[in-house]
Amino acid sequence: MEFDDVTGLLDHPAWRLLRAENAPLVLGFCGTVFVDENVRGVPENVLVSRLDDQLYDLNERGMGSFPRPAAAYLTEWTNSGWLRKYYPPDEDEAHFDATSALEKAVAWVRGLPARSFIGTESRLSTIVALLRQMTFGTETDPQARIDKLRRERDRIDEQIAQLLAGEVDLLSPVALLDRYQQVENTAVELLRDFREVEANLRELDRRLRQDVATAEGSKGELLASFLMDREMIAESDQGRSFQAFFDHLLSPQRQEELRGLLEQVHQLPQLGGRANRNLLKIPFAWLEAAESTQDTVRQLTEQLRRFLADHGREEDRRVVALVRSVQRHVAALDGRSDLPGIELEVPQVELALPMERRLYMPVERVELDSTAVEAFDDSEVDVSELFAGVHVDHEALVAQVLELIQASPSGQANLPTVVEKYPLTLGLAELLAYFQLDQVGLDIVIDPSHTHDLVYERVHSPGHSMATVPQVTFVLNEGGVTAGEVEQA
């Protein structure tokens, strides 16, 4: 980094935290609450109570002098950019959350002490594996890809032959500890990255509110600017990567696989009791952090809707005031003949486009043969086809959806997963019925920006059909509040 770059960072909240007088208190207390416990959105009374206990303990032990009340320290930390104070929807009590700057400072300080073990082999293997994926993913020659896959197949066949011969090559305890340390560090870094992504989205929301408050141009210009910023975030590398991660995390099969792998690794005796029990909860922490980021995106959309509604009402009131002003002036001048003026005949042109008229269609005459009707006996005529139709049992569909939601750890189920578990038997009619489910406690969230291709068998005819549908997510709603809302950054 250049000298000017470092100088510009002196006012960064993380740098100011490291130079603060009460830095040990801020880093120790907030690091425990928000980083170690991975808590997001702590109510003010809970955080004040915990900080008050911490201050009392430190003053009793003579570890420092902290005469001010806990609420005053929280206010100072919020103004310094280390904590974020906000009010959740439909709640009157303030909540606190750590900022990205605080988490960066905590991570840097915790990396200062000397470590008894520093793994390097696993990181080198990860680098080589990533380089292989990059070179293979950008290779345009089909034959080169085929040769690489064949070499990989030969290597796997050789490993299978060794296993059949009884040769089992196990990882050493050092190699296991090296890889476990990398998994643990990467999992924590990923949680820290979520706070930074959410901070970027909140910055966009802050700029939008500021633009709305100081806007002097047209509504169309401000709306275009907001949509451009929103599109840039969604289409950026960060936005695409986050959406791919969130889609991967919502898969029940992948969640089950991840939890199973963590359980197996945690029980390995080679780790020698160094396994971190908190790592087993990391999938739920990822999901909670991703949902919090998606909630920020929904707040941006709600802010845009309110902006349009408020400006629309203001414009309606202005137009009504102008109309009433004109009416008052017309009423005041009614009956006066000394007013100058002219009469104009407004020309009117009747337009009739040729293509608006329907083309001539000759009437098809149908010859009716009444003798053919008399040739049939009433008892032999099968009229069941006239009353045959497709009936979709909505209650059965609701039961299927609820069963998958209850089996899902995230409390959600998307339409492709439901169709995969319960294939369509009534074709398009059954598919459309999923969009019309009306069940108390069940919400349907539709995202038109993402689509899925569903293939299903045709009804009463051979073959398959494919339908492109928007992303549909079913979530439980308990007490009017959606449990595990689909929080779509």
Protein backbone atom coordinates (compact mmCIF):
# COMPACT_ATOMS: atom_id res chain seq x y z
CA MET A 1 0.00 0.00 0.00
CA GLU A 2 1.11 3.54 -0.69
CA PHE A 3 1.61 6.20 1.98
CA ASP A 4 -1.51 8.11 0.89
CA ASP A 5 -3.62 4.96 1.04
CA VAL A 6 -2.56 4.24 4.62
CA THR A 7 -3.10 7.87 5.63
CA GLY A 8 -6.64 7.74 4.29
CA LEU A 9 -7.39 4.76 6.53
CA LEU A 10 -6.49 6.55 9.76
CA ASP A 11 -10.12 7.61 10.18
CA HIS A 12 -11.47 4.10 9.54
CA PRO A 13 -13.64 2.90 12.49
CA ALA A 14 -11.52 -0.23 12.92
CA TRP A 15 -8.31 1.81 13.15
CA ARG A 16 -9.90 4.26 15.60
CA LEU A 17 -11.06 1.32 17.71
CA LEU A 18 -7.52 -0.04 18.01
CA ARG A 19 -6.32 3.41 19.19
CA ALA A 20 -9.25 3.99 21.56
CA GLU A 21 -8.67 4.29 25.32
CA ASN A 22 -11.29 1.64 26.11
CA ALA A 23 -10.24 -0.68 23.24
CA PRO A 24 -9.76 -3.74 25.55
CA LEU A 25 -13.29 -3.33 26.91
CA VAL A 26 -14.86 -2.88 23.47
CA LEU A 27 -12.95 -5.74 21.86
CA GLY A 28 -13.41 -8.11 24.80
CA PHE A 29 -17.09 -7.48 25.46
CA CYS A 30 -18.35 -7.05 21.88
CA GLY A 31 -16.07 -9.81 20.59
CA THR A 32 -17.62 -12.24 23.06
CA VAL A 33 -21.24 -11.24 22.44
CA PHE A 34 -21.31 -10.68 18.69
CA VAL A 35 -18.40 -12.79 17.36
CA ASP A 36 -17.95 -15.77 19.69
CA GLU A 37 -21.67 -16.23 20.36
CA ASN A 38 -22.55 -15.12 16.79
CA VAL A 39 -25.54 -13.09 17.99
CA ARG A 40 -27.26 -10.63 15.69
CA GLY A 41 -29.71 -8.03 16.86
CA VAL A 42 -29.37 -7.98 20.68
CA PRO A 43 -32.15 -6.02 22.50
CA GLU A 44 -30.93 -2.91 24.29
CA ASN A 45 -32.01 -4.01 27.78
CA VAL A 46 -30.19 -7.35 27.39
CA LEU A 47 -26.98 -5.75 26.15
CA VAL A 48 -27.05 -3.04 28.84
CA SER A 49 -27.52 -5.69 31.55
CA ARG A 50 -24.61 -7.79 30.29
CA LEU A 51 -22.31 -4.80 29.94
CA ASP A 52 -23.28 -3.54 33.40
CA ASP A 53 -22.26 -6.91 34.89
CA GLN A 54 -18.98 -6.75 32.98
CA LEU A 55 -18.21 -3.22 34.21
CA TYR A 56 -19.02 -4.15 37.81
CA ASP A 57 -16.70 -7.15 37.66
CA LEU A 58 -13.84 -5.12 36.14
CA ASN A 59 -14.20 -2.33 38.71
CA GLU A 60 -14.27 -4.84 41.58
CA ARG A 61 -11.10 -6.52 40.35
CA GLY A 62 -9.37 -3.20 39.79
CA MET A 63 -8.84 -3.97 36.12
CA GLY A 64 -9.78 -0.40 35.15
CA SER A 65 -11.90 2.60 36.00
CA PHE A 66 -15.28 2.65 34.27
CA PRO A 67 -17.46 5.17 36.13
CA ARG A 68 -20.05 5.78 33.45
CA PRO A 69 -23.24 3.68 33.08
CA ALA A 70 -23.41 0.91 30.51
CA ALA A 71 -25.90 2.78 28.30
CA ALA A 72 -23.44 5.68 27.93
CA TYR A 73 -20.72 3.34 26.67
CA LEU A 74 -23.10 1.78 24.14
CA THR A 75 -24.04 5.23 22.86
CA GLU A 76 -20.36 6.16 22.48
CA TRP A 77 -19.57 2.92 20.64
CA THR A 78 -22.53 3.44 18.32
CA ASN A 79 -21.46 7.01 17.48
CA SER A 80 -17.93 5.75 16.80
CA GLY A 81 -19.18 3.26 14.19
CA TRP A 82 -18.41 0.09 16.16
CA LEU A 83 -22.04 -0.85 16.89
CA ARG A 84 -25.21 -0.34 14.88
CA LYS A 85 -28.36 0.72 16.70
CA TYR A 86 -31.66 0.14 14.93
CA TYR A 87 -35.33 -0.65 15.50
CA PRO A 88 -36.62 -3.90 13.97
CA PRO A 89 -39.99 -3.77 12.21
CA ASP A 90 -43.00 -3.74 14.56
CA GLU A 91 -40.81 -3.37 17.68
CA ASP A 92 -40.39 -0.37 20.01
CA GLU A 93 -37.15 -1.45 21.68
CA ALA A 94 -33.80 -0.65 20.08
CA HIS A 95 -31.47 -3.47 19.05
CA PHE A 96 -27.68 -3.50 18.63
CA ASP A 97 -25.49 -5.34 16.15
CA ALA A 98 -21.76 -5.35 15.46
CA THR A 99 -20.42 -3.51 12.44
CA SER A 100 -17.96 -4.85 9.92
CA ALA A 101 -15.26 -2.56 11.34
CA LEU A 102 -15.64 -4.06 14.84
CA GLU A 103 -15.41 -7.60 13.51
CA LYS A 104 -12.29 -6.76 11.48
CA ALA A 105 -10.61 -5.27 14.55
CA VAL A 106 -11.51 -8.31 16.69
CA ALA A 107 -10.14 -10.69 14.06
CA TRP A 108 -6.87 -8.73 13.78
CA VAL A 109 -6.31 -8.61 17.54
CA ARG A 110 -7.04 -12.33 17.94
CA GLY A 111 -4.43 -13.10 15.30
CA LEU A 112 -1.65 -11.38 17.23
CA PRO A 113 -0.82 -14.10 19.85
CA ALA A 114 1.62 -16.79 18.81
CA ARG A 115 -0.01 -20.04 17.73
CA SER A 116 1.30 -23.44 18.78
CA PHE A 117 0.38 -24.98 15.45
CA ILE A 118 0.26 -23.31 12.02
CA GLY A 119 -0.93 -25.53 9.22
CA THR A 120 0.45 -24.96 5.72
CA GLU A 121 -0.05 -28.22 3.82
CA SER A 122 -3.84 -27.95 3.57
CA ARG A 123 -3.67 -24.38 2.29
CA LEU A 124 -1.18 -25.41 -0.39
CA SER A 125 -3.49 -28.27 -1.40
CA THR A 126 -6.41 -25.85 -1.54
CA ILE A 127 -4.44 -23.46 -3.76
CA VAL A 128 -3.49 -26.26 -6.15
CA ALA A 129 -7.09 -27.56 -6.25
CA LEU A 130 -8.44 -24.07 -7.03
CA LEU A 131 -5.84 -23.57 -9.76
CA ARG A 132 -6.84 -26.89 -11.30
CA GLN A 133 -10.51 -25.89 -11.26
CA MET A 134 -9.69 -22.56 -12.91
CA THR A 135 -7.58 -24.09 -15.68
CA PHE A 136 -10.09 -26.88 -16.30
CA GLY A 137 -13.07 -24.48 -16.26
CA THR A 138 -11.48 -22.21 -18.87
CA GLU A 139 -10.14 -24.95 -21.16
CA THR A 140 -11.81 -24.66 -24.60
CA ASP A 141 -10.23 -27.75 -26.18
CA PRO A 142 -12.57 -30.76 -25.64
CA GLN A 143 -9.73 -33.25 -26.12
CA ALA A 144 -7.64 -31.59 -23.43
CA ARG A 145 -10.55 -31.86 -21.00
CA ILE A 146 -11.07 -35.51 -21.93
CA ASP A 147 -7.39 -36.29 -21.33
CA LYS A 148 -7.49 -34.60 -17.93
CA LEU A 149 -10.63 -36.49 -16.91
CA ARG A 150 -9.06 -39.78 -18.03
CA ARG A 151 -5.97 -39.08 -15.89
CA GLU A 152 -8.27 -38.37 -12.96
CA ARG A 153 -10.16 -41.60 -13.65
CA ASP A 154 -6.90 -43.58 -13.76
CA ARG A 155 -5.85 -42.08 -10.44
CA ILE A 156 -9.20 -43.06 -8.86
CA ASP A 157 -8.93 -46.57 -10.31
CA GLU A 158 -5.47 -46.88 -8.79
CA GLN A 159 -6.80 -45.87 -5.38
CA ILE A 160 -9.63 -48.39 -5.68
CA ALA A 161 -7.12 -51.12 -6.55
CA GLN A 162 -5.04 -50.26 -3.49
CA LEU A 163 -8.11 -50.44 -1.25
CA LEU A 164 -9.08 -53.81 -2.71
CA ALA A 165 -5.58 -55.02 -1.95
CA GLY A 166 -5.97 -53.93 1.67
CA GLU A 167 -3.75 -50.86 1.43
CA VAL A 168 -5.54 -48.01 3.28
CA ASP A 169 -3.70 -44.69 3.27
CA LEU A 170 -4.89 -42.62 6.24
CA LEU A 171 -4.22 -38.98 6.98
CA SER A 172 -1.84 -38.36 9.84
CA PRO A 173 -3.05 -36.50 12.96
CA VAL A 174 -0.97 -33.49 11.90
CA ALA A 175 -2.57 -33.43 8.47
CA LEU A 176 -6.05 -33.76 10.01
CA LEU A 177 -5.38 -30.90 12.46
CA ASP A 178 -4.01 -28.79 9.61
CA ARG A 179 -7.17 -29.23 7.53
CA TYR A 180 -9.48 -28.79 10.51
CA GLN A 181 -7.79 -25.51 11.41
CA GLN A 182 -8.31 -24.25 7.86
CA VAL A 183 -12.00 -25.28 7.90
CA GLU A 184 -12.53 -23.48 11.21
CA ASN A 185 -10.82 -20.27 10.04
CA THR A 186 -12.67 -20.24 6.73
CA ALA A 187 -16.05 -20.76 8.41
CA VAL A 188 -15.46 -17.81 10.77
CA GLU A 189 -14.17 -15.61 7.94
CA LEU A 190 -17.31 -16.38 5.94
CA LEU A 191 -19.49 -15.11 8.79
CA ARG A 192 -17.39 -11.96 8.92
CA ASP A 193 -17.85 -11.46 5.19
CA PHE A 194 -21.63 -11.58 5.64
CA ARG A 195 -21.51 -8.54 7.90
CA GLU A 196 -19.52 -6.66 5.27
CA VAL A 197 -21.99 -7.57 2.52
CA GLU A 198 -24.86 -6.44 4.74
CA ALA A 199 -23.00 -3.20 5.52
CA ASN A 200 -22.66 -2.47 1.79
CA LEU A 201 -26.39 -2.94 1.33
CA ARG A 202 -27.17 -0.66 4.29
CA GLU A 203 -24.91 1.98 2.76
CA LEU A 204 -27.03 1.84 -0.40
CA ASP A 205 -30.15 2.23 1.76
CA ARG A 206 -28.60 5.22 3.57
CA ARG A 207 -27.73 6.94 0.29
CA LEU A 208 -31.25 6.32 -1.00
CA ARG A 209 -32.81 7.92 2.09
CA GLN A 210 -30.47 10.88 1.76
CA ASP A 211 -31.35 11.30 -1.92
CA VAL A 212 -35.06 11.15 -1.14
CA ALA A 213 -34.69 13.82 1.57
CA THR A 214 -32.66 16.20 -0.63
CA ALA A 215 -34.10 15.36 -4.07
CA GLU A 216 -34.82 18.36 -6.26
CA GLY A 217 -35.01 16.70 -9.66
CA SER A 218 -37.74 14.59 -11.16
CA LYS A 219 -38.95 11.38 -9.61
CA GLY A 220 -37.91 9.46 -12.72
CA GLU A 221 -34.26 10.52 -12.36
CA LEU A 222 -34.10 9.49 -8.70
CA LEU A 223 -35.81 6.19 -9.41
CA ALA A 224 -33.47 5.43 -12.31
CA SER A 225 -30.45 6.16 -10.09
CA PHE A 226 -31.73 3.83 -7.35
CA LEU A 227 -32.53 1.00 -9.75
CA MET A 228 -29.10 1.34 -11.34
CA ASP A 229 -27.38 1.09 -7.96
CA ARG A 230 -29.55 -1.88 -6.98
CA GLU A 231 -28.83 -3.62 -10.29
CA MET A 232 -25.11 -2.97 -9.94
CA ILE A 233 -25.07 -4.65 -6.51
CA ALA A 234 -27.15 -7.62 -7.66
CA GLU A 235 -25.06 -8.14 -10.82
CA SER A 236 -21.68 -7.47 -9.20
CA ASP A 237 -19.24 -10.29 -8.46
CA GLN A 238 -20.09 -9.96 -4.75
CA GLY A 239 -23.83 -10.11 -5.43
CA ARG A 240 -23.58 -13.11 -7.74
CA SER A 241 -21.33 -14.98 -5.32
CA PHE A 242 -23.69 -14.30 -2.40
CA GLN A 243 -26.76 -15.45 -4.37
CA ALA A 244 -24.97 -18.65 -5.41
CA PHE A 245 -23.99 -19.31 -1.79
CA PHE A 246 -27.56 -18.66 -0.57
CA ASP A 247 -29.06 -20.99 -3.20
CA HIS A 248 -26.55 -23.67 -2.20
CA LEU A 249 -27.39 -23.20 1.48
CA LEU A 250 -31.15 -23.55 0.91
CA SER A 251 -30.78 -27.05 -0.54
CA PRO A 252 -31.95 -29.59 2.09
CA GLN A 253 -29.72 -32.30 0.64
CA ARG A 254 -26.61 -30.11 0.86
CA GLN A 255 -27.47 -28.98 4.36
CA GLU A 256 -27.83 -32.59 5.47
CA GLU A 257 -24.54 -33.50 3.82
CA LEU A 258 -22.73 -30.59 5.48
CA ARG A 259 -24.06 -31.42 8.94
CA GLY A 260 -23.18 -35.08 8.48
CA LEU A 261 -19.60 -34.25 7.50
CA LEU A 262 -19.18 -31.93 10.48
CA GLU A 263 -20.48 -34.64 12.85
CA GLN A 264 -18.07 -37.22 11.42
CA VAL A 265 -15.07 -34.88 11.65
CA HIS A 266 -15.98 -33.82 15.20
CA GLN A 267 -15.88 -37.46 16.34
CA LEU A 268 -12.44 -38.19 14.85
CA PRO A 269 -10.11 -39.38 17.64
CA GLN A 270 -7.05 -38.13 15.69
CA LEU A 271 -7.95 -34.51 16.52
CA GLY A 272 -7.06 -35.19 20.14
CA GLY A 273 -9.90 -33.21 21.67
CA ARG A 274 -9.09 -30.05 19.70
CA ALA A 275 -12.40 -30.10 17.81
CA ASN A 276 -14.48 -26.97 18.29
CA ARG A 277 -18.03 -27.84 19.33
CA ASN A 278 -19.29 -24.50 18.05
CA LEU A 279 -18.30 -25.52 14.52
CA LEU A 280 -21.27 -27.92 14.47
CA LYS A 281 -23.59 -24.89 14.63
CA ILE A 282 -21.90 -23.06 11.77
CA PRO A 283 -24.48 -24.09 9.07
CA PHE A 284 -27.26 -22.52 11.14
CA ALA A 285 -25.12 -19.41 11.70
CA TRP A 286 -24.55 -19.12 7.94
CA LEU A 287 -28.26 -19.45 7.28
CA GLU A 288 -29.12 -16.83 9.89
CA ALA A 289 -26.53 -14.42 8.47
CA ALA A 290 -27.77 -14.97 4.90
CA GLU A 291 -31.37 -14.39 5.96
CA SER A 292 -30.34 -11.15 7.69
CA THR A 293 -28.72 -9.98 4.45
CA GLN A 294 -31.82 -10.88 2.46
CA ASP A 295 -33.90 -8.93 4.98
CA THR A 296 -31.81 -5.85 4.20
CA VAL A 297 -32.66 -6.26 0.51
CA ARG A 298 -36.36 -6.43 1.36
CA GLN A 299 -36.05 -3.23 3.38
CA LEU A 300 -34.56 -1.50 0.33
CA THR A 301 -37.49 -2.62 -1.79
CA GLU A 302 -39.98 -1.45 0.85
CA GLN A 303 -38.22 1.92 1.02
CA LEU A 304 -38.60 2.30 -2.75
CA ARG A 305 -42.31 1.45 -2.56
CA ARG A 306 -42.88 4.03 0.18
CA PHE A 307 -40.98 6.63 -1.79
CA LEU A 308 -43.14 6.11 -4.87
CA ALA A 309 -46.35 6.11 -2.83
CA ASP A 310 -45.44 9.32 -0.94
CA HIS A 311 -44.44 11.20 -4.06
CA GLY A 312 -47.54 9.98 -5.88
CA ARG A 313 -49.78 11.30 -3.11
CA GLU A 314 -47.92 14.63 -3.09
CA GLU A 315 -48.38 15.03 -6.84
CA ASP A 316 -52.08 14.12 -6.59
CA ARG A 317 -52.60 16.78 -3.90
CA ARG A 318 -50.77 19.37 -6.01
CA VAL A 319 -52.90 18.61 -9.10
CA VAL A 320 -56.11 18.78 -7.06
CA ALA A 321 -55.05 22.15 -5.58
CA LEU A 322 -54.38 23.52 -9.09
CA VAL A 323 -57.74 22.31 -10.37
CA ARG A 324 -59.59 23.86 -7.43
CA SER A 325 -57.71 27.13 -7.92
CA VAL A 326 -58.81 27.25 -11.56
CA GLN A 327 -62.38 26.46 -10.55
CA ARG A 328 -62.40 29.30 -7.99
CA HIS A 329 -61.14 31.79 -10.59
CA VAL A 330 -63.74 30.62 -13.14
CA ALA A 331 -66.52 30.95 -10.55
CA ALA A 332 -65.35 34.49 -9.63
CA LEU A 333 -65.40 35.58 -13.29
CA ASP A 334 -68.74 33.95 -14.10
CA GLY A 335 -71.29 36.36 -15.65
CA ARG A 336 -68.87 39.06 -16.71
CA SER A 337 -69.17 40.10 -20.36
CA ASP A 338 -66.34 42.61 -20.46
CA LEU A 339 -63.63 40.01 -20.42
CA PRO A 340 -61.51 39.75 -23.57
CA GLY A 341 -61.44 36.41 -25.26
CA ILE A 342 -61.93 34.50 -28.48
CA GLU A 343 -63.77 31.37 -29.45
CA LEU A 344 -61.95 28.60 -31.22
CA GLU A 345 -63.35 25.59 -32.91
CA VAL A 346 -61.10 22.75 -31.92
CA PRO A 347 -60.58 20.54 -34.93
CA GLN A 348 -61.31 16.88 -34.40
CA VAL A 349 -60.07 14.14 -36.63
CA GLU A 350 -61.75 10.77 -36.71
CA LEU A 351 -59.13 8.09 -37.16
CA ALA A 352 -60.08 4.65 -38.36
CA LEU A 353 -57.17 2.34 -38.97
CA PRO A 354 -57.81 -0.44 -41.48
CA MET A 355 -56.20 -3.07 -39.25
CA GLU A 356 -58.65 -2.29 -36.43
CA ARG A 357 -61.38 -3.95 -38.46
CA ARG A 358 -61.71 -7.68 -38.38
CA LEU A 359 -61.09 -9.59 -41.56
CA TYR A 360 -64.03 -11.20 -43.23
CA MET A 361 -64.57 -14.79 -42.16
CA PRO A 362 -67.14 -16.78 -44.09
CA VAL A 363 -69.73 -18.54 -41.98
CA GLU A 364 -69.25 -22.27 -41.98
CA ARG A 365 -72.51 -24.04 -42.58
CA VAL A 366 -73.03 -27.23 -40.65
CA GLU A 367 -75.36 -29.88 -41.96
CA LEU A 368 -77.32 -31.59 -39.18
CA ASP A 369 -78.52 -35.14 -39.69
CA SER A 370 -81.30 -35.87 -37.25
CA THR A 371 -81.64 -39.46 -38.45
CA ALA A 372 -78.24 -40.31 -36.98
CA VAL A 373 -79.46 -39.40 -33.50
CA GLU A 374 -82.41 -41.71 -33.77
CA ALA A 375 -80.13 -44.62 -34.64
CA PHE A 376 -78.66 -44.67 -31.10
CA ASP A 377 -80.32 -46.02 -28.04
CA ASP A 378 -80.14 -43.81 -24.94
CA SER A 379 -78.72 -46.66 -22.89
CA GLU A 380 -75.81 -47.13 -25.31
CA VAL A 381 -74.61 -43.52 -25.49
CA ASP A 382 -71.59 -42.77 -23.24
CA VAL A 383 -71.81 -39.14 -22.12
CA SER A 384 -69.24 -39.39 -19.28
CA GLU A 385 -66.65 -37.55 -21.35
CA LEU A 386 -68.89 -34.46 -21.26
CA PHE A 387 -68.52 -34.30 -17.48
CA ALA A 388 -64.90 -35.45 -17.23
CA GLY A 389 -62.45 -32.84 -16.01
CA VAL A 390 -59.25 -32.36 -14.09
CA HIS A 391 -59.69 -31.98 -10.33
CA VAL A 392 -56.67 -30.97 -8.25
CA ASP A 393 -56.83 -31.72 -4.55
CA HIS A 394 -55.44 -28.58 -2.92
CA GLU A 395 -55.47 -30.14 0.55
CA ALA A 396 -53.19 -32.93 -0.63
CA LEU A 397 -50.76 -30.41 -2.13
CA VAL A 398 -50.72 -28.42 1.12
CA ALA A 399 -49.98 -31.61 3.07
CA GLN A 400 -47.06 -32.40 0.76
CA VAL A 401 -45.60 -28.92 1.12
CA LEU A 402 -45.97 -28.92 4.92
CA GLU A 403 -44.30 -32.32 5.13
CA LEU A 404 -41.21 -31.05 3.26
CA ILE A 405 -41.10 -27.82 5.30
CA GLN A 406 -41.18 -29.75 8.57
CA ALA A 407 -38.39 -32.01 7.32
CA SER A 408 -36.27 -29.01 6.26
CA PRO A 409 -33.97 -27.49 8.94
CA SER A 410 -34.50 -24.02 7.45
CA GLY A 411 -38.29 -24.24 7.74
CA GLN A 412 -38.64 -23.63 4.00
CA ALA A 413 -39.26 -25.55 0.80
CA ASN A 414 -39.01 -24.43 -2.80
CA LEU A 415 -41.20 -25.54 -5.70
CA PRO A 416 -38.55 -27.63 -7.56
CA THR A 417 -37.90 -29.64 -4.37
CA VAL A 418 -41.63 -30.29 -3.91
CA VAL A 419 -42.08 -31.36 -7.54
CA GLU A 420 -39.00 -33.59 -7.34
CA LYS A 421 -40.36 -35.30 -4.20
CA TYR A 422 -43.95 -35.49 -5.50
CA PRO A 423 -43.96 -35.58 -9.35
CA LEU A 424 -46.87 -33.94 -11.13
CA THR A 425 -49.63 -36.38 -12.09
CA LEU A 426 -52.16 -33.89 -13.44
CA GLY A 427 -49.82 -31.80 -15.59
CA LEU A 428 -50.04 -28.04 -15.84
CA ALA A 429 -53.25 -27.84 -13.77
CA GLU A 430 -51.47 -29.31 -10.74
CA LEU A 431 -48.43 -27.06 -11.27
CA LEU A 432 -50.59 -23.92 -11.33
CA ALA A 433 -52.39 -25.09 -8.19
CA TYR A 434 -49.14 -24.70 -6.18
CA PHE A 435 -49.28 -20.95 -6.89
CA GLN A 436 -52.86 -20.75 -5.50
CA LEU A 437 -52.46 -22.64 -2.21
CA ASP A 438 -54.44 -20.89 0.52
CA GLN A 439 -53.59 -22.29 3.92
CA VAL A 440 -53.45 -20.57 7.31
CA GLY A 441 -49.85 -20.50 8.52
CA LEU A 442 -48.35 -21.04 5.05
CA ASP A 443 -46.85 -18.17 3.03
CA ILE A 444 -45.85 -18.29 -0.64
CA VAL A 445 -42.92 -16.05 -1.65
CA ILE A 446 -42.49 -15.59 -5.44
CA ASP A 447 -39.27 -14.12 -6.87
CA PRO A 448 -39.72 -13.36 -10.62
CA SER A 449 -36.01 -12.46 -10.97
CA HIS A 450 -35.03 -16.15 -10.68
CA THR A 451 -36.64 -18.94 -12.71
CA HIS A 452 -36.57 -22.73 -12.84
CA ASP A 453 -37.32 -25.19 -15.64
CA LEU A 454 -39.66 -27.97 -14.50
CA VAL A 455 -40.14 -31.09 -16.63
CA TYR A 456 -43.26 -33.20 -16.09
CA GLU A 457 -45.10 -36.00 -17.88
CA ARG A 458 -48.02 -35.15 -20.12
CA VAL A 459 -51.51 -36.24 -19.15
CA HIS A 460 -53.22 -38.87 -21.37
CA SER A 461 -50.42 -38.61 -23.96
CA PRO A 462 -46.85 -39.87 -24.18
CA GLY A 463 -43.90 -37.50 -23.76
CA HIS A 464 -42.88 -34.72 -21.42
CA SER A 465 -43.49 -31.00 -21.19
CA MET A 466 -41.31 -28.27 -19.72
CA ALA A 467 -42.52 -25.15 -17.89
CA THR A 468 -40.39 -22.13 -16.91
CA VAL A 469 -41.67 -20.82 -13.57
CA PRO A 470 -40.40 -18.11 -11.18
CA GLN A 471 -38.66 -19.07 -7.96
CA VAL A 472 -41.36 -20.08 -5.46
CA THR A 473 -40.55 -20.63 -1.77
CA PHE A 474 -43.02 -21.95 0.82
CA VAL A 475 -42.42 -20.81 4.41
CA LEU A 476 -44.34 -21.28 7.64
CA ASN A 477 -46.14 -18.32 9.19
CA GLU A 478 -46.70 -18.55 12.93
CA GLY A 479 -48.69 -15.82 14.68
CA GLY A 480 -48.57 -13.52 11.68
CA VAL A 481 -44.75 -13.55 11.55
CA THR A 482 -43.06 -15.62 8.87
CA ALA A 483 -40.68 -18.11 10.44
CA GLY A 484 -37.33 -18.10 8.64
CA GLU A 485 -38.39 -15.45 6.14
CA VAL A 486 -36.84 -15.71 2.69
CA GLU A 487 -34.62 -12.78 3.06
CA GLN A 488 -33.57 -11.84 -0.36
CA ALA A 489 -29.61 -8.44 -0.08
